[in-house]
Amino acid sequence: MRSMYRAGVTAAVAVAITATIGVGAAAASPSSGNDGDRNNDSNVVFVQNQATDGNTVFAYDRAGNGALTLAGSYATGGLGGALTGAVVDRSASQGSLVADHANNELYAVNARTNPVSVFGVDGDRLHLRQVIGSGGNFPVSVTTRGDAVYVLNARDGGAIQGYRNNDGRLVRIPAWHRDLGLTTFTGSAEFTHTPGQVAFTPDGKHLVVTTKAASNSILVYGVGTAGQPSATPTVRAETGTVPFAVAFDSRNNLEVSDAGTNAVSNYSVAADGALTLLGTTATGQAATCWIAASGDLLAVSNAGSASVSALTATAGAPTFVGNTTTGGGTVDASFTPDGSFLYVQAGKNGDVDAFSVNGTTLTAIGNVTVPNAAGGEGIVAW
C-alpha cells in the first residue's frame, strides 16, 4: 500500500494539557486585510497552511462567480506538523480546520506543538481567542456539535479529547478522554497507520473515528446527553479498505472514503452505533482519501490522480458520476453552505481550486496559491 503514496504524488494512506493561553484581538489582526465593506459570513473561504514554521489560517473573500481574493492571514499561535512519510498531506487527516457556526468560531489544529486554536469569526476577519492543549500528541481532526467539541490526536496509539464551549472558550473535560489503543507504527508506515478523522453524527448521538490502516476499522462511540462518550466503541472492521474520512448524506447515512480500495462506502448507523454496509462504489482513481458532501452530492479527493470524483448518495451503493481534474496532490475540500461552489486543496503546490456546482457537474473557475501551504490541509467554505 505504501507504494501508492510514494509514486509521484502520494497520499492516503500524556495527560491532557490544561494550560490555556488567552490572546487579545491585537495579536490576531490580519497581516493583510480589507478595510472596505466586509463580505457576510457566507462569502468567505478559510484555508490552513499547516506550515511547520508557523501555522496560519488565510481568509479569502468569495466573489459572486466563486473567484477568491485574499482578505487576511492569521497566525494560529502554533506550528503545523508532518507525519513520517507524508508528502502532499502532512497530517493525513480530514477535519483539521472546522467551522462552529453555533458559536461563530473556527477551530484549527497545530500538530507539531499539540494545541488547538480557537478563532472568533467576524465576516472575513478572525480573532484568536484561545490556544489550548489537545489532550494528546499530534492533533489532526476536530468535530463539534452544540457546545461539545472533540479533538482527535494521531500519535501514541491515538486518543479523543472532549471540551465544553463556555462562552467562546473551550474547557477541557477530563472524563471525556478516550485512548484509542491503536498499534503505534514508526517510520514511513506512520503516515498510513494513524487515525484519520473524528466526526459527530448529524443527531449528535455518536462520535465516529476512522483508523486508516492502523486497524482498518471504523470506531463509533455513543455520546450521552451530557456529552460524555461511551467507555468503549462499537467497532466495524473493514479489512484492507483503509477507512480515511467521512461525510453524511441527506439520509444521515455515513459515507466513508476508502483509501485502500479507492472507493466510497455507504453505511447506516443504528441507535447502538452498529454500522451496516449498504454498498460500495469504486472511483477508478488512486489514493481516494477525502470526502465532502452537499446533500446527496459527494466530492471525493484522489491525491494520487489529481482529481475529484463526483458521486451521488443513494439508499444503497453511491452512484458514480465522473472525475474532474485538479491540481497535483488533491486533498481536503469544502462545499459552500448552499452547495453552489466547491473548493479543493491541491497539496503538491498549496493551491486551492475553485469549481461551480450545477447539479452534479463541476466546472473549474480558477485557483489561488496559498502561501507556504504545500502539504497543508484544512479548508472551510463559511
Protein backbone atom coordinates (compact mmCIF):
# COMPACT_ATOMS: atom_id res chain seq x y z
CA MET A 1 0.00 0.00 0.00
CA ARG A 2 2.84 2.35 0.78
CA SER A 3 3.87 2.45 -2.88
CA MET A 4 0.50 4.01 -3.70
CA TYR A 5 1.57 7.04 -1.69
CA ARG A 6 5.18 7.14 -2.73
CA ALA A 7 4.72 7.06 -6.51
CA GLY A 8 4.92 10.70 -7.59
CA VAL A 9 2.13 12.47 -5.78
CA THR A 10 1.50 10.43 -2.62
CA ALA A 11 -1.33 10.41 -0.14
CA ALA A 12 -3.83 8.23 1.69
CA VAL A 13 -2.76 6.35 3.48
CA ALA A 14 0.21 12.06 28.37
CA VAL A 15 -2.41 13.52 30.23
CA ALA A 16 -4.23 16.40 28.58
CA ILE A 17 -2.52 19.76 28.62
CA THR A 18 -4.57 22.00 30.86
CA ALA A 19 -2.90 25.36 30.36
CA THR A 20 -4.89 27.79 28.26
CA ILE A 21 -3.37 30.91 26.74
CA GLY A 22 -5.68 33.86 26.15
CA VAL A 23 -4.83 36.03 23.15
CA GLY A 24 -6.08 39.57 22.64
CA ALA A 25 -7.56 40.90 19.43
CA ALA A 26 -4.42 42.85 18.60
CA ALA A 27 -2.42 39.64 18.30
CA ALA A 28 -4.93 38.34 15.78
CA SER A 29 -5.10 41.34 13.49
CA PRO A 30 -4.67 40.47 9.81
CA SER A 31 -1.27 40.84 8.16
CA SER A 32 -3.17 41.89 5.07
CA GLY A 33 -6.80 42.90 5.10
CA ASN A 34 -9.79 44.58 3.52
CA ASP A 35 -10.73 47.84 5.15
CA GLY A 36 -13.79 48.36 2.98
CA ASP A 37 -17.16 46.67 3.25
CA ARG A 38 -16.69 43.16 4.56
CA ASN A 39 -18.45 40.23 2.99
CA ASN A 40 -21.10 38.45 5.01
CA ASP A 41 -20.32 35.11 6.59
CA SER A 42 -21.47 33.07 3.59
CA ASN A 43 -18.90 34.63 1.24
CA VAL A 44 -15.62 33.60 2.88
CA VAL A 45 -13.29 30.61 2.46
CA PHE A 46 -10.76 29.88 5.21
CA VAL A 47 -7.64 27.82 4.41
CA GLN A 48 -4.99 26.49 6.79
CA ASN A 49 -1.43 26.04 5.56
CA GLN A 50 -0.14 23.84 8.44
CA ALA A 51 3.32 25.33 7.97
CA THR A 52 5.85 23.75 10.30
CA ASP A 53 7.49 27.13 10.97
CA GLY A 54 4.23 28.85 11.90
CA ASN A 55 0.71 27.64 11.21
CA THR A 56 -1.54 30.24 9.55
CA VAL A 57 -5.18 30.49 8.51
CA PHE A 58 -5.85 32.58 5.39
CA ALA A 59 -9.19 34.25 4.73
CA TYR A 60 -10.39 34.61 1.13
CA ASP A 61 -13.38 36.67 0.04
CA ARG A 62 -15.58 34.82 -2.44
CA ALA A 63 -16.98 36.79 -5.37
CA GLY A 64 -20.38 36.08 -6.87
CA ASN A 65 -18.75 33.93 -9.55
CA GLY A 66 -16.81 31.92 -6.96
CA ALA A 67 -13.41 33.54 -7.52
CA LEU A 68 -11.26 34.03 -4.40
CA THR A 69 -9.38 37.13 -3.24
CA LEU A 70 -7.06 37.15 -0.24
CA ALA A 71 -8.53 39.19 2.61
CA GLY A 72 -6.23 38.42 5.55
CA SER A 73 -3.86 36.00 7.26
CA TYR A 74 -3.98 34.91 10.89
CA ALA A 75 -1.33 33.09 12.91
CA THR A 76 -2.71 30.22 14.99
CA GLY A 77 -0.14 30.56 17.77
CA GLY A 78 1.19 27.07 17.00
CA LEU A 79 3.11 25.04 14.44
CA GLY A 80 1.95 22.62 11.80
CA GLY A 81 3.38 19.11 11.83
CA ALA A 82 4.13 16.31 9.39
CA LEU A 83 3.73 12.58 9.93
CA THR A 84 6.67 10.46 8.83
CA GLY A 85 6.15 9.53 5.19
CA ALA A 86 3.87 12.49 4.40
CA VAL A 87 4.33 14.28 1.08
CA VAL A 88 1.28 16.22 -0.12
CA ASP A 89 -0.78 15.87 3.08
CA ARG A 90 1.23 16.39 6.24
CA SER A 91 -1.37 15.20 8.75
CA ALA A 92 -3.07 12.53 6.55
CA SER A 93 -6.42 13.52 8.03
CA GLN A 94 -9.69 15.34 7.48
CA GLY A 95 -11.18 17.99 9.74
CA SER A 96 -8.03 19.87 10.77
CA LEU A 97 -9.88 23.18 10.27
CA VAL A 98 -13.54 23.15 11.32
CA ALA A 99 -16.38 25.66 11.50
CA ASP A 100 -18.52 26.02 14.62
CA HIS A 101 -21.49 28.00 13.35
CA ALA A 102 -23.37 27.61 16.64
CA ASN A 103 -20.68 29.63 18.43
CA ASN A 104 -19.43 31.62 15.41
CA GLU A 105 -15.95 30.14 15.79
CA LEU A 106 -13.29 28.33 13.80
CA TYR A 107 -11.05 25.58 15.25
CA ALA A 108 -7.56 24.83 13.91
CA VAL A 109 -5.16 22.08 14.99
CA ASN A 110 -1.43 22.64 15.48
CA ALA A 111 0.00 19.17 15.06
CA ARG A 112 3.64 19.83 15.85
CA THR A 113 3.10 21.79 19.07
CA ASN A 114 -0.16 19.98 20.02
CA PRO A 115 -2.64 22.76 20.87
CA VAL A 116 -5.93 23.69 19.24
CA SER A 117 -6.56 27.31 18.26
CA VAL A 118 -9.97 28.91 18.70
CA PHE A 119 -10.85 31.85 16.44
CA GLY A 120 -13.87 34.08 16.63
CA VAL A 121 -15.27 34.78 13.15
CA ASP A 122 -16.28 38.30 12.10
CA GLY A 123 -17.03 38.19 8.38
CA ASP A 124 -13.67 37.72 6.67
CA ARG A 125 -11.75 38.55 9.84
CA LEU A 126 -10.62 36.21 12.58
CA HIS A 127 -9.84 36.96 16.23
CA LEU A 128 -7.66 34.46 18.08
CA ARG A 129 -9.46 33.79 21.36
CA GLN A 130 -7.63 30.83 22.80
CA VAL A 131 -4.82 28.30 22.34
CA ILE A 132 -5.48 25.15 24.39
CA GLY A 133 -3.78 21.75 24.67
CA SER A 134 -5.28 18.93 22.59
CA GLY A 135 -5.14 16.32 25.36
CA GLY A 136 -2.71 14.15 23.43
CA ASN A 137 0.02 14.05 20.81
CA PHE A 138 -0.31 15.35 17.23
CA PRO A 139 -3.91 16.63 16.88
CA VAL A 140 -5.27 16.08 13.35
CA SER A 141 -9.05 16.50 13.42
CA VAL A 142 -11.82 18.38 15.25
CA THR A 143 -15.59 17.96 15.37
CA THR A 144 -18.29 19.97 17.11
CA ARG A 145 -21.99 19.89 17.84
CA GLY A 146 -23.76 22.40 20.07
CA ASP A 147 -21.33 23.24 22.86
CA ALA A 148 -19.39 19.95 22.66
CA VAL A 149 -16.03 19.82 20.85
CA TYR A 150 -13.85 16.76 20.33
CA VAL A 151 -10.24 16.59 19.12
CA LEU A 152 -8.55 13.53 17.61
CA ASN A 153 -4.86 13.01 18.39
CA ALA A 154 -2.99 10.72 16.00
CA ARG A 155 0.18 9.61 17.74
CA ASP A 156 0.85 7.32 20.74
CA GLY A 157 -1.95 4.98 19.71
CA GLY A 158 -4.45 7.78 19.16
CA ALA A 159 -6.93 9.46 21.51
CA ILE A 160 -10.00 11.66 21.51
CA GLN A 161 -10.43 14.50 24.00
CA GLY A 162 -13.66 16.37 24.63
CA TYR A 163 -14.30 20.00 25.60
CA ARG A 164 -17.25 22.15 26.54
CA ASN A 165 -17.53 25.52 24.78
CA ASN A 166 -18.17 28.01 27.57
CA ASP A 167 -18.98 31.46 26.15
CA GLY A 168 -16.48 31.15 23.33
CA ARG A 169 -13.69 29.41 25.22
CA LEU A 170 -13.03 25.69 25.43
CA VAL A 171 -12.94 23.94 28.80
CA ARG A 172 -11.30 20.50 28.83
CA ILE A 173 -13.42 17.77 30.42
CA PRO A 174 -11.08 15.05 31.79
CA ALA A 175 -13.87 12.43 31.74
CA TRP A 176 -14.30 12.99 28.00
CA HIS A 177 -10.93 11.46 27.12
CA ARG A 178 -10.66 8.09 25.40
CA ASP A 179 -7.45 6.34 24.34
CA LEU A 180 -7.98 4.50 21.05
CA GLY A 181 -5.34 1.88 21.84
CA LEU A 182 -4.14 1.55 18.25
CA THR A 183 -0.80 -0.07 17.47
CA THR A 184 1.91 2.56 17.13
CA PHE A 185 3.90 2.50 13.89
CA THR A 186 7.16 4.29 13.20
CA GLY A 187 8.96 5.25 10.01
CA SER A 188 7.07 5.76 6.78
CA ALA A 189 4.27 3.44 7.98
CA GLU A 190 3.18 6.13 10.44
CA PHE A 191 1.57 8.07 7.61
CA THR A 192 -0.89 5.32 6.71
CA HIS A 193 -1.30 3.83 10.21
CA THR A 194 -2.62 6.75 12.25
CA PRO A 195 -6.30 7.66 12.75
CA GLY A 196 -7.78 9.99 10.13
CA GLN A 197 -10.88 11.78 11.43
CA VAL A 198 -13.31 12.26 14.28
CA ALA A 199 -16.86 13.35 13.44
CA PHE A 200 -20.22 13.70 15.17
CA THR A 201 -23.17 12.01 13.54
CA PRO A 202 -25.83 14.56 12.49
CA ASP A 203 -28.01 13.76 15.52
CA GLY A 204 -25.07 14.23 17.89
CA LYS A 205 -25.58 10.79 19.46
CA HIS A 206 -22.36 9.21 18.21
CA LEU A 207 -18.72 10.02 17.53
CA VAL A 208 -17.15 8.30 14.52
CA VAL A 209 -13.37 7.73 14.29
CA THR A 210 -11.57 6.33 11.25
CA THR A 211 -8.38 4.39 11.93
CA LYS A 212 -6.96 4.04 8.39
CA ALA A 213 -4.55 1.08 8.19
CA ALA A 214 -3.85 1.09 11.93
CA SER A 215 -6.75 -1.35 12.34
CA ASN A 216 -8.80 -0.95 9.13
CA SER A 217 -11.78 -0.15 11.34
CA ILE A 218 -14.41 2.48 11.98
CA LEU A 219 -14.94 3.19 15.68
CA VAL A 220 -18.31 4.50 16.90
CA TYR A 221 -18.67 5.92 20.42
CA GLY A 222 -22.09 6.57 21.89
CA VAL A 223 -22.48 10.09 23.30
CA GLY A 224 -24.67 10.63 26.35
CA THR A 225 -26.95 13.60 26.87
CA ALA A 226 -24.25 15.26 28.96
CA GLY A 227 -21.74 14.86 26.12
CA GLN A 228 -19.59 12.05 27.57
CA PRO A 229 -18.55 9.27 25.17
CA SER A 230 -19.13 5.59 25.91
CA ALA A 231 -16.31 3.75 27.64
CA THR A 232 -15.65 1.59 24.58
CA PRO A 233 -16.62 1.96 20.94
CA THR A 234 -18.62 -0.22 18.62
CA VAL A 235 -16.07 -1.49 16.08
CA ARG A 236 -16.75 -2.04 12.39
CA ALA A 237 -13.81 -3.92 10.87
CA GLU A 238 -13.23 -3.43 7.13
CA THR A 239 -10.14 -5.43 6.23
CA GLY A 240 -7.92 -3.75 3.66
CA THR A 241 -10.19 -0.78 2.96
CA VAL A 242 -8.17 1.82 4.93
CA PRO A 243 -11.16 3.96 6.05
CA PHE A 244 -9.82 7.50 5.85
CA ALA A 245 -12.50 10.21 6.06
CA VAL A 246 -16.26 10.57 6.44
CA ALA A 247 -19.25 12.69 5.44
CA PHE A 248 -23.01 12.36 5.90
CA ASP A 249 -25.68 12.38 3.18
CA SER A 250 -29.27 13.62 3.29
CA ARG A 251 -30.40 10.33 4.88
CA ASN A 252 -27.82 10.79 7.67
CA ASN A 253 -26.01 7.73 6.34
CA LEU A 254 -22.26 7.57 6.82
CA GLU A 255 -20.23 7.94 3.62
CA VAL A 256 -16.63 6.74 4.01
CA SER A 257 -13.69 7.23 1.66
CA ASP A 258 -11.67 4.01 1.49
CA ALA A 259 -8.05 4.76 0.60
CA GLY A 260 -7.02 1.12 0.37
CA THR A 261 -9.63 0.17 -2.24
CA ASN A 262 -10.14 3.64 -3.80
CA ALA A 263 -13.86 3.57 -3.18
CA VAL A 264 -16.72 5.15 -1.26
CA SER A 265 -18.75 3.01 1.15
CA ASN A 266 -22.23 3.86 2.46
CA TYR A 267 -23.31 2.76 5.96
CA SER A 268 -26.43 3.17 8.05
CA VAL A 269 -25.86 3.98 11.73
CA ALA A 270 -28.01 2.13 14.28
CA ALA A 271 -29.02 3.53 17.65
CA ASP A 272 -26.38 1.36 19.34
CA GLY A 273 -23.66 2.59 16.96
CA ALA A 274 -23.55 -0.53 14.82
CA LEU A 275 -22.78 0.16 11.16
CA THR A 276 -24.45 -1.71 8.31
CA LEU A 277 -22.79 -1.60 4.91
CA LEU A 278 -25.31 -0.55 2.25
CA GLY A 279 -22.96 -0.58 -0.72
CA THR A 280 -19.56 0.41 -2.11
CA THR A 281 -18.58 2.19 -5.33
CA ALA A 282 -15.07 2.46 -6.79
CA THR A 283 -13.75 5.78 -8.08
CA GLY A 284 -11.27 4.26 -10.54
CA GLN A 285 -8.67 6.69 -9.18
CA ALA A 286 -5.63 6.49 -6.88
CA ALA A 287 -5.44 7.49 -3.20
CA THR A 288 -9.15 8.17 -2.64
CA CYS A 289 -8.88 9.81 0.76
CA TRP A 290 -11.02 12.91 1.45
CA ILE A 291 -14.77 13.29 1.11
CA ALA A 292 -17.16 16.26 1.25
CA ALA A 293 -20.94 16.21 0.96
CA SER A 294 -23.62 18.68 -0.05
CA GLY A 295 -26.93 16.92 0.34
CA ASP A 296 -26.52 13.78 -1.74
CA LEU A 297 -23.66 15.10 -3.87
CA LEU A 298 -20.33 13.63 -2.77
CA ALA A 299 -16.96 15.08 -3.79
CA VAL A 300 -14.09 12.66 -3.20
CA SER A 301 -10.45 13.75 -3.47
CA ASN A 302 -7.96 11.42 -5.16
CA ALA A 303 -4.48 12.59 -4.22
CA GLY A 304 -2.70 10.08 -6.45
CA SER A 305 -4.69 11.01 -9.57
CA ALA A 306 -5.02 14.80 -9.15
CA SER A 307 -8.78 14.56 -9.43
CA VAL A 308 -12.12 14.88 -7.66
CA SER A 309 -14.70 12.15 -8.14
CA ALA A 310 -18.36 13.15 -8.06
CA LEU A 311 -20.85 10.58 -6.77
CA THR A 312 -24.45 10.78 -5.64
CA ALA A 313 -25.59 9.13 -2.44
CA THR A 314 -28.45 6.63 -2.64
CA ALA A 315 -30.14 4.21 -0.27
CA GLY A 316 -27.53 1.67 -1.37
CA ALA A 317 -24.17 1.99 -3.11
CA PRO A 318 -23.30 5.55 -4.22
CA THR A 319 -23.75 6.27 -7.92
CA PHE A 320 -20.55 7.24 -9.73
CA VAL A 321 -20.89 10.42 -11.84
CA GLY A 322 -17.41 11.29 -13.11
CA ASN A 323 -13.92 12.61 -12.42
CA THR A 324 -12.73 16.21 -12.66
CA THR A 325 -9.07 17.23 -12.87
CA THR A 326 -7.48 19.30 -10.09
CA GLY A 327 -4.00 20.47 -9.24
CA GLY A 328 -1.49 17.88 -8.06
CA GLY A 329 -1.97 16.16 -4.73
CA THR A 330 -5.72 16.61 -4.26
CA VAL A 331 -6.56 16.70 -0.55
CA ASP A 332 -9.19 18.44 1.60
CA ALA A 333 -12.33 20.05 0.12
CA SER A 334 -15.35 22.06 1.22
CA PHE A 335 -18.70 22.94 -0.36
CA THR A 336 -20.24 26.36 0.29
CA PRO A 337 -23.26 26.11 2.63
CA ASP A 338 -25.67 26.46 -0.31
CA GLY A 339 -23.77 23.88 -2.37
CA SER A 340 -23.17 26.24 -5.30
CA PHE A 341 -19.36 26.09 -5.15
CA LEU A 342 -16.69 23.55 -4.21
CA TYR A 343 -13.17 24.47 -3.08
CA VAL A 344 -10.44 21.82 -3.21
CA GLN A 345 -6.92 21.96 -1.79
CA ALA A 346 -4.15 20.67 -4.05
CA GLY A 347 -1.34 19.81 -1.68
CA LYS A 348 1.53 19.48 -4.12
CA ASN A 349 1.85 23.25 -4.62
CA GLY A 350 -0.51 24.54 -1.93
CA ASP A 351 -3.23 25.64 -4.34
CA VAL A 352 -6.99 25.91 -3.87
CA ASP A 353 -9.03 25.03 -6.96
CA ALA A 354 -12.50 26.56 -7.25
CA PHE A 355 -15.45 24.89 -9.01
CA SER A 356 -19.01 25.96 -9.63
CA VAL A 357 -21.59 23.25 -8.99
CA ASN A 358 -24.56 22.73 -11.30
CA GLY A 359 -26.43 19.59 -10.31
CA THR A 360 -23.65 17.01 -10.36
CA THR A 361 -21.42 18.93 -12.79
CA LEU A 362 -18.24 20.63 -11.55
CA THR A 363 -16.89 23.50 -13.68
CA ALA A 364 -13.45 24.93 -12.99
CA ILE A 365 -13.37 28.64 -12.11
CA GLY A 366 -9.69 29.17 -11.33
CA ASN A 367 -7.31 28.77 -8.43
CA VAL A 368 -5.21 30.62 -5.88
CA THR A 369 -1.90 29.64 -4.32
CA VAL A 370 -1.94 29.76 -0.53
CA PRO A 371 1.37 31.00 0.95
CA ASN A 372 3.63 28.25 2.32
CA ALA A 373 0.82 25.69 2.01
CA ALA A 374 2.44 22.81 0.09
CA GLY A 375 1.37 19.72 2.05
CA GLY A 376 -1.16 21.69 4.08
CA GLU A 377 -4.71 20.60 4.86
CA GLY A 378 -7.77 22.29 6.29
CA ILE A 379 -10.40 24.27 4.38
CA VAL A 380 -13.79 25.71 5.34
CA ALA A 381 -16.18 27.47 2.96
CA TRP A 382 -18.01 29.53 5.57
